[in-house]
Amino acid sequence: MRVLVIEDDVSLADVVCRGLRGAGLAVDLAADGDLALQMIEVTEYDVLVLDRQLPGTHGDDVCRFAIGQPHPPRVLMLTAAGNLDDRVQGLEIGADDYLPKPFAMAELVARIRALSRRSGSLTPPVIEIGSLRIDLGRRQAFRDERELHLTRKEFGLLEVLAANPGQVISAETLLERVWDEATDPFTNAVRITVMTLRRKLGEPGPIETVVGIGYRLEPTC
């Protein structure tokens, strides 16, 4: 899941980004509304965590811009303004959810996952493909009932492939969905992560390399 945090409070943004990354999400950060507009225009995000009071473009206008995109993200407004009128106004603008500060990180993660499940590309909470079982909520994966001890990136990569069994997913798409904007676009991180994931999955190897295109998870692995 790719999340954009739009928050100008440096310390809070750092806490939120670290917490979401710790939950296995790919997270980008925009510290003002103007930068957020640019990032939304070039990257397809699943969820925005949006502070309403932003320098530059106001959070309300960022929300309106985001939901007007061809593939709009879900929007969770995160703000210190917690009274009823503010919540109603934020939802009327087009936000999907509203969480006042201060908040518990566990609740933020749960709300983001709930918003993602409401998106058009619904992924079930447990994916079962052949001998593979992937529990997205618990962040656990099994093959032939053997638990696979995966890193966050290995799990994220397997999640993307398993959500699209039999389809070829390019390395560029995997880099965008599992890593974040700080990642060097010329990195070999995807190739290395596929290699370590294959080793943990064991034989017969369920991930096929389609030379020059990307990777595919066999639907009958």
C-alpha atoms as a PDB file:
ATOM      1  CA  MET A   1       0.000   0.000   0.000  1.00  0.00           C
ATOM      2  CA  ARG A   2       1.365   3.423  -0.979  1.00  0.00           C
ATOM      3  CA  VAL A   3       0.524   6.246   1.443  1.00  0.00           C
ATOM      4  CA  LEU A   4       1.244   9.969   1.231  1.00  0.00           C
ATOM      5  CA  VAL A   5       1.491  11.786   4.574  1.00  0.00           C
ATOM      6  CA  ILE A   6       0.859  15.530   4.173  1.00  0.00           C
ATOM      7  CA  GLU A   7       1.879  17.188   7.429  1.00  0.00           C
ATOM      8  CA  ASP A   8       3.893  20.338   8.167  1.00  0.00           C
ATOM      9  CA  ASP A   9       4.691  19.516  11.807  1.00  0.00           C
ATOM     10  CA  VAL A  10       8.163  17.989  11.425  1.00  0.00           C
ATOM     11  CA  SER A  11       8.178  15.955  14.639  1.00  0.00           C
ATOM     12  CA  LEU A  12       4.650  14.597  14.114  1.00  0.00           C
ATOM     13  CA  ALA A  13       5.367  13.787  10.457  1.00  0.00           C
ATOM     14  CA  ASP A  14       8.456  11.833  11.512  1.00  0.00           C
ATOM     15  CA  VAL A  15       6.505   9.830  14.103  1.00  0.00           C
ATOM     16  CA  VAL A  16       3.671   9.086  11.665  1.00  0.00           C
ATOM     17  CA  CYS A  17       5.979   8.050   8.823  1.00  0.00           C
ATOM     18  CA  ARG A  18       8.062   5.790  11.063  1.00  0.00           C
ATOM     19  CA  GLY A  19       4.935   4.227  12.531  1.00  0.00           C
ATOM     20  CA  LEU A  20       3.355   3.534   9.138  1.00  0.00           C
ATOM     21  CA  ARG A  21       6.579   2.148   7.701  1.00  0.00           C
ATOM     22  CA  GLY A  22       6.849  -0.077  10.747  1.00  0.00           C
ATOM     23  CA  ALA A  23       3.385  -1.408   9.841  1.00  0.00           C
ATOM     24  CA  GLY A  24       4.690  -2.410   6.414  1.00  0.00           C
ATOM     25  CA  LEU A  25       3.393   0.529   4.349  1.00  0.00           C
ATOM     26  CA  ALA A  26       5.308   2.425   1.658  1.00  0.00           C
ATOM     27  CA  VAL A  27       5.199   6.047   2.826  1.00  0.00           C
ATOM     28  CA  ASP A  28       6.040   9.372   1.176  1.00  0.00           C
ATOM     29  CA  LEU A  29       5.944  12.767   2.897  1.00  0.00           C
ATOM     30  CA  ALA A  30       4.923  16.245   1.762  1.00  0.00           C
ATOM     31  CA  ALA A  31       5.447  19.112   4.201  1.00  0.00           C
ATOM     32  CA  ASP A  32       3.152  21.596   2.423  1.00  0.00           C
ATOM     33  CA  GLY A  33       0.141  21.679   0.157  1.00  0.00           C
ATOM     34  CA  ASP A  34       1.989  22.779  -2.977  1.00  0.00           C
ATOM     35  CA  LEU A  35       4.383  19.820  -2.871  1.00  0.00           C
ATOM     36  CA  ALA A  36       1.468  17.488  -2.126  1.00  0.00           C
ATOM     37  CA  LEU A  37      -0.292  18.549  -5.348  1.00  0.00           C
ATOM     38  CA  GLN A  38       2.828  17.782  -7.375  1.00  0.00           C
ATOM     39  CA  MET A  39       3.280  14.368  -5.774  1.00  0.00           C
ATOM     40  CA  ILE A  40      -0.376  13.382  -6.180  1.00  0.00           C
ATOM     41  CA  GLU A  41      -0.207  14.318  -9.852  1.00  0.00           C
ATOM     42  CA  VAL A  42       2.721  11.990 -10.622  1.00  0.00           C
ATOM     43  CA  THR A  43       2.145   9.089  -8.189  1.00  0.00           C
ATOM     44  CA  GLU A  44      -0.923   6.911  -7.703  1.00  0.00           C
ATOM     45  CA  TYR A  45      -1.459   6.725  -3.928  1.00  0.00           C
ATOM     46  CA  ASP A  46      -3.847   4.394  -2.139  1.00  0.00           C
ATOM     47  CA  VAL A  47      -4.427   6.658   0.866  1.00  0.00           C
ATOM     48  CA  LEU A  48      -3.609  10.256   1.819  1.00  0.00           C
ATOM     49  CA  VAL A  49      -3.110  11.169   5.471  1.00  0.00           C
ATOM     50  CA  LEU A  50      -3.875  14.864   5.180  1.00  0.00           C
ATOM     51  CA  ASP A  51      -3.440  17.670   7.686  1.00  0.00           C
ATOM     52  CA  ARG A  52      -6.122  20.249   6.978  1.00  0.00           C
ATOM     53  CA  GLN A  53      -4.146  23.344   7.995  1.00  0.00           C
ATOM     54  CA  LEU A  54      -1.158  23.426   5.656  1.00  0.00           C
ATOM     55  CA  PRO A  55       1.257  26.078   4.404  1.00  0.00           C
ATOM     56  CA  GLY A  56       0.857  26.783   0.697  1.00  0.00           C
ATOM     57  CA  THR A  57      -2.236  25.137  -0.769  1.00  0.00           C
ATOM     58  CA  HIS A  58      -4.845  24.546   1.942  1.00  0.00           C
ATOM     59  CA  GLY A  59      -5.598  20.958   2.897  1.00  0.00           C
ATOM     60  CA  ASP A  60      -9.203  21.326   1.707  1.00  0.00           C
ATOM     61  CA  ASP A  61      -7.987  22.198  -1.785  1.00  0.00           C
ATOM     62  CA  VAL A  62      -5.483  19.329  -1.731  1.00  0.00           C
ATOM     63  CA  CYS A  63      -8.396  17.001  -0.907  1.00  0.00           C
ATOM     64  CA  ARG A  64     -10.510  18.369  -3.770  1.00  0.00           C
ATOM     65  CA  PHE A  65      -7.591  17.980  -6.194  1.00  0.00           C
ATOM     66  CA  ALA A  66      -6.870  14.420  -5.048  1.00  0.00           C
ATOM     67  CA  ILE A  67     -10.410  13.138  -5.423  1.00  0.00           C
ATOM     68  CA  GLY A  68     -10.550  14.661  -8.895  1.00  0.00           C
ATOM     69  CA  GLN A  69      -7.714  12.430 -10.145  1.00  0.00           C
ATOM     70  CA  PRO A  70      -8.434   9.574 -12.604  1.00  0.00           C
ATOM     71  CA  HIS A  71      -7.640   7.036  -9.858  1.00  0.00           C
ATOM     72  CA  PRO A  72      -8.384   8.996  -6.679  1.00  0.00           C
ATOM     73  CA  PRO A  73      -6.886   7.933  -3.359  1.00  0.00           C
ATOM     74  CA  ARG A  74      -8.852   7.552  -0.162  1.00  0.00           C
ATOM     75  CA  VAL A  75      -8.392  10.594   2.093  1.00  0.00           C
ATOM     76  CA  LEU A  76      -8.029  10.551   5.870  1.00  0.00           C
ATOM     77  CA  MET A  77      -7.971  14.050   7.361  1.00  0.00           C
ATOM     78  CA  LEU A  78      -5.662  14.335  10.338  1.00  0.00           C
ATOM     79  CA  THR A  79      -6.042  17.608  12.207  1.00  0.00           C
ATOM     80  CA  ALA A  80      -6.144  19.306  15.570  1.00  0.00           C
ATOM     81  CA  ALA A  81      -9.619  20.652  14.792  1.00  0.00           C
ATOM     82  CA  GLY A  82     -11.834  18.018  16.381  1.00  0.00           C
ATOM     83  CA  ASN A  83     -15.226  19.664  16.784  1.00  0.00           C
ATOM     84  CA  LEU A  84     -18.285  18.349  14.974  1.00  0.00           C
ATOM     85  CA  ASP A  85     -18.570  21.207  12.461  1.00  0.00           C
ATOM     86  CA  ASP A  86     -14.962  20.724  11.336  1.00  0.00           C
ATOM     87  CA  ARG A  87     -15.451  16.982  10.943  1.00  0.00           C
ATOM     88  CA  VAL A  88     -18.624  17.439   8.915  1.00  0.00           C
ATOM     89  CA  GLN A  89     -17.012  20.071   6.700  1.00  0.00           C
ATOM     90  CA  GLY A  90     -14.007  17.860   6.013  1.00  0.00           C
ATOM     91  CA  LEU A  91     -16.223  14.939   5.041  1.00  0.00           C
ATOM     92  CA  GLU A  92     -18.392  17.144   2.821  1.00  0.00           C
ATOM     93  CA  ILE A  93     -15.301  18.291   0.944  1.00  0.00           C
ATOM     94  CA  GLY A  94     -14.672  14.667   0.006  1.00  0.00           C
ATOM     95  CA  ALA A  95     -12.577  13.126   2.783  1.00  0.00           C
ATOM     96  CA  ASP A  96     -13.358   9.489   3.561  1.00  0.00           C
ATOM     97  CA  ASP A  97     -12.432   9.593   7.235  1.00  0.00           C
ATOM     98  CA  TYR A  98     -11.418  12.073   9.918  1.00  0.00           C
ATOM     99  CA  LEU A  99      -9.047  11.520  12.865  1.00  0.00           C
ATOM    100  CA  PRO A 100      -8.418  14.377  15.330  1.00  0.00           C
ATOM    101  CA  LYS A 101      -5.051  14.884  17.018  1.00  0.00           C
ATOM    102  CA  PRO A 102      -3.814  13.484  19.358  1.00  0.00           C
ATOM    103  CA  PHE A 103      -4.333   9.933  18.149  1.00  0.00           C
ATOM    104  CA  ALA A 104      -3.025   6.422  18.723  1.00  0.00           C
ATOM    105  CA  MET A 105      -0.793   5.049  15.984  1.00  0.00           C
ATOM    106  CA  ALA A 106      -2.601   1.707  16.093  1.00  0.00           C
ATOM    107  CA  GLU A 107      -5.889   3.458  15.301  1.00  0.00           C
ATOM    108  CA  LEU A 108      -4.324   5.408  12.421  1.00  0.00           C
ATOM    109  CA  VAL A 109      -2.940   2.209  10.889  1.00  0.00           C
ATOM    110  CA  ALA A 110      -6.291   0.445  11.322  1.00  0.00           C
ATOM    111  CA  ARG A 111      -8.175   3.310   9.691  1.00  0.00           C
ATOM    112  CA  ILE A 112      -5.759   3.398   6.739  1.00  0.00           C
ATOM    113  CA  ARG A 113      -6.155  -0.338   6.192  1.00  0.00           C
ATOM    114  CA  ALA A 114      -9.935   0.014   6.407  1.00  0.00           C
ATOM    115  CA  LEU A 115      -9.893   2.778   3.793  1.00  0.00           C
ATOM    116  CA  SER A 116      -7.742   0.674   1.502  1.00  0.00           C
ATOM    117  CA  ARG A 117     -10.215  -2.207   1.765  1.00  0.00           C
ATOM    118  CA  ARG A 118     -12.927   0.179   0.599  1.00  0.00           C
ATOM    119  CA  SER A 119     -11.060   1.006  -2.617  1.00  0.00           C
ATOM    120  CA  GLY A 120     -12.138  -0.344  -5.985  1.00  0.00           C
ATOM    121  CA  SER A 121      -9.239  -2.817  -6.114  1.00  0.00           C
ATOM    122  CA  LEU A 122     -10.351  -4.798  -3.085  1.00  0.00           C
ATOM    123  CA  THR A 123      -7.855  -7.296  -1.731  1.00  0.00           C
ATOM    124  CA  PRO A 124      -9.192  -9.897   0.733  1.00  0.00           C
ATOM    125  CA  PRO A 125      -7.655  -9.891   4.239  1.00  0.00           C
ATOM    126  CA  VAL A 126      -6.285 -13.414   3.643  1.00  0.00           C
ATOM    127  CA  ILE A 127      -5.006 -14.445   0.211  1.00  0.00           C
ATOM    128  CA  GLU A 128      -4.781 -18.159  -0.558  1.00  0.00           C
ATOM    129  CA  ILE A 129      -3.071 -19.276  -3.765  1.00  0.00           C
ATOM    130  CA  GLY A 130      -2.103 -22.919  -4.099  1.00  0.00           C
ATOM    131  CA  SER A 131       0.164 -23.769  -1.178  1.00  0.00           C
ATOM    132  CA  LEU A 132       0.512 -20.088  -0.179  1.00  0.00           C
ATOM    133  CA  ARG A 133      -1.532 -18.350   2.499  1.00  0.00           C
ATOM    134  CA  ILE A 134      -0.932 -14.656   3.138  1.00  0.00           C
ATOM    135  CA  ASP A 135      -2.605 -13.006   6.134  1.00  0.00           C
ATOM    136  CA  LEU A 136      -2.457  -9.273   5.413  1.00  0.00           C
ATOM    137  CA  GLY A 137      -3.833  -8.201   8.780  1.00  0.00           C
ATOM    138  CA  ARG A 138      -1.321 -10.196  10.811  1.00  0.00           C
ATOM    139  CA  ARG A 139       1.455  -9.627   8.240  1.00  0.00           C
ATOM    140  CA  GLN A 140       2.186 -13.355   8.119  1.00  0.00           C
ATOM    141  CA  ALA A 141       2.793 -15.667   5.159  1.00  0.00           C
ATOM    142  CA  PHE A 142       2.793 -19.472   5.031  1.00  0.00           C
ATOM    143  CA  ARG A 143       3.651 -22.093   2.437  1.00  0.00           C
ATOM    144  CA  ASP A 144       2.448 -25.640   3.068  1.00  0.00           C
ATOM    145  CA  GLU A 145       1.608 -24.425   6.612  1.00  0.00           C
ATOM    146  CA  ARG A 146       5.259 -23.451   7.137  1.00  0.00           C
ATOM    147  CA  GLU A 147       5.559 -19.866   8.310  1.00  0.00           C
ATOM    148  CA  LEU A 148       7.800 -17.696   6.167  1.00  0.00           C
ATOM    149  CA  HIS A 149       9.788 -15.183   8.176  1.00  0.00           C
ATOM    150  CA  LEU A 150       9.782 -12.297   5.720  1.00  0.00           C
ATOM    151  CA  THR A 151      11.168  -8.786   5.926  1.00  0.00           C
ATOM    152  CA  ARG A 152       8.738  -5.892   5.374  1.00  0.00           C
ATOM    153  CA  LYS A 153       9.878  -5.479   1.771  1.00  0.00           C
ATOM    154  CA  GLU A 154       9.678  -9.209   1.038  1.00  0.00           C
ATOM    155  CA  PHE A 155       6.157  -9.319   2.446  1.00  0.00           C
ATOM    156  CA  GLY A 156       5.117  -6.211   0.515  1.00  0.00           C
ATOM    157  CA  LEU A 157       6.475  -7.606  -2.733  1.00  0.00           C
ATOM    158  CA  LEU A 158       4.728 -10.943  -2.182  1.00  0.00           C
ATOM    159  CA  GLU A 159       1.500  -9.104  -1.339  1.00  0.00           C
ATOM    160  CA  VAL A 160       1.527  -7.186  -4.645  1.00  0.00           C
ATOM    161  CA  LEU A 161       2.263 -10.313  -6.685  1.00  0.00           C
ATOM    162  CA  ALA A 162      -0.341 -12.375  -4.810  1.00  0.00           C
ATOM    163  CA  ALA A 163      -3.008  -9.720  -5.323  1.00  0.00           C
ATOM    164  CA  ASN A 164      -2.463 -10.154  -9.082  1.00  0.00           C
ATOM    165  CA  PRO A 165      -1.835 -13.908  -9.571  1.00  0.00           C
ATOM    166  CA  GLY A 166      -0.739 -14.860 -13.065  1.00  0.00           C
ATOM    167  CA  GLN A 167      -0.190 -11.239 -14.092  1.00  0.00           C
ATOM    168  CA  VAL A 168       3.230  -9.881 -14.958  1.00  0.00           C
ATOM    169  CA  ILE A 169       4.155  -6.993 -12.641  1.00  0.00           C
ATOM    170  CA  SER A 170       7.015  -4.787 -13.774  1.00  0.00           C
ATOM    171  CA  ALA A 171       9.968  -4.031 -11.522  1.00  0.00           C
ATOM    172  CA  GLU A 172       9.040  -0.345 -11.809  1.00  0.00           C
ATOM    173  CA  THR A 173       5.530  -1.039 -10.480  1.00  0.00           C
ATOM    174  CA  LEU A 174       6.897  -3.124  -7.613  1.00  0.00           C
ATOM    175  CA  LEU A 175       9.348  -0.357  -6.759  1.00  0.00           C
ATOM    176  CA  GLU A 176       6.501   2.159  -6.703  1.00  0.00           C
ATOM    177  CA  ARG A 177       4.106   0.038  -4.663  1.00  0.00           C
ATOM    178  CA  VAL A 178       6.510  -1.380  -2.075  1.00  0.00           C
ATOM    179  CA  TRP A 179       9.263   1.214  -1.689  1.00  0.00           C
ATOM    180  CA  ASP A 180       8.957   4.996  -1.360  1.00  0.00           C
ATOM    181  CA  GLU A 181      10.096   8.134  -3.146  1.00  0.00           C
ATOM    182  CA  ALA A 182      13.496   8.149  -1.422  1.00  0.00           C
ATOM    183  CA  THR A 183      14.460   4.967  -3.277  1.00  0.00           C
ATOM    184  CA  ASP A 184      16.910   5.326  -6.160  1.00  0.00           C
ATOM    185  CA  PRO A 185      14.928   4.471  -9.340  1.00  0.00           C
ATOM    186  CA  PHE A 186      18.023   2.691 -10.678  1.00  0.00           C
ATOM    187  CA  THR A 187      18.406   0.484  -7.617  1.00  0.00           C
ATOM    188  CA  ASN A 188      18.504  -3.306  -7.888  1.00  0.00           C
ATOM    189  CA  ALA A 189      16.454  -3.595  -4.683  1.00  0.00           C
ATOM    190  CA  VAL A 190      13.568  -5.352  -6.435  1.00  0.00           C
ATOM    191  CA  ARG A 191      15.828  -7.984  -7.992  1.00  0.00           C
ATOM    192  CA  ILE A 192      17.605  -8.656  -4.695  1.00  0.00           C
ATOM    193  CA  THR A 193      14.332  -8.825  -2.743  1.00  0.00           C
ATOM    194  CA  VAL A 194      12.857 -11.268  -5.279  1.00  0.00           C
ATOM    195  CA  MET A 195      15.986 -13.394  -4.895  1.00  0.00           C
ATOM    196  CA  THR A 196      15.760 -13.542  -1.077  1.00  0.00           C
ATOM    197  CA  LEU A 197      11.983 -14.087  -1.214  1.00  0.00           C
ATOM    198  CA  ARG A 198      12.426 -17.022  -3.603  1.00  0.00           C
ATOM    199  CA  ARG A 199      14.922 -18.604  -1.231  1.00  0.00           C
ATOM    200  CA  LYS A 200      12.430 -18.397   1.642  1.00  0.00           C
ATOM    201  CA  LEU A 201       9.526 -19.679  -0.458  1.00  0.00           C
ATOM    202  CA  GLY A 202      11.472 -22.787  -1.417  1.00  0.00           C
ATOM    203  CA  GLU A 203      10.884 -25.202  -4.294  1.00  0.00           C
ATOM    204  CA  PRO A 204       9.124 -25.405  -6.599  1.00  0.00           C
ATOM    205  CA  GLY A 205       9.678 -21.667  -7.038  1.00  0.00           C
ATOM    206  CA  PRO A 206       6.340 -19.881  -7.520  1.00  0.00           C
ATOM    207  CA  ILE A 207       7.775 -16.575  -8.799  1.00  0.00           C
ATOM    208  CA  GLU A 208       8.586 -16.510 -12.494  1.00  0.00           C
ATOM    209  CA  THR A 209      10.864 -13.918 -14.100  1.00  0.00           C
ATOM    210  CA  VAL A 210       9.538 -12.645 -17.432  1.00  0.00           C
ATOM    211  CA  VAL A 211      12.728 -11.357 -19.016  1.00  0.00           C
ATOM    212  CA  GLY A 212      12.653  -7.671 -19.837  1.00  0.00           C
ATOM    213  CA  ILE A 213       9.169  -7.205 -18.369  1.00  0.00           C
ATOM    214  CA  GLY A 214       8.876  -8.194 -14.721  1.00  0.00           C
ATOM    215  CA  TYR A 215       7.720 -10.937 -12.364  1.00  0.00           C
ATOM    216  CA  ARG A 216       4.686 -13.183 -12.063  1.00  0.00           C
ATOM    217  CA  LEU A 217       3.310 -15.351  -9.258  1.00  0.00           C
ATOM    218  CA  GLU A 218       2.064 -18.673 -10.584  1.00  0.00           C
ATOM    219  CA  PRO A 219      -1.646 -19.027  -9.635  1.00  0.00           C
ATOM    220  CA  THR A 220      -1.186 -22.748  -8.895  1.00  0.00           C
ATOM    221  CA  CYS A 221       2.027 -22.519  -6.904  1.00  0.00           C
END
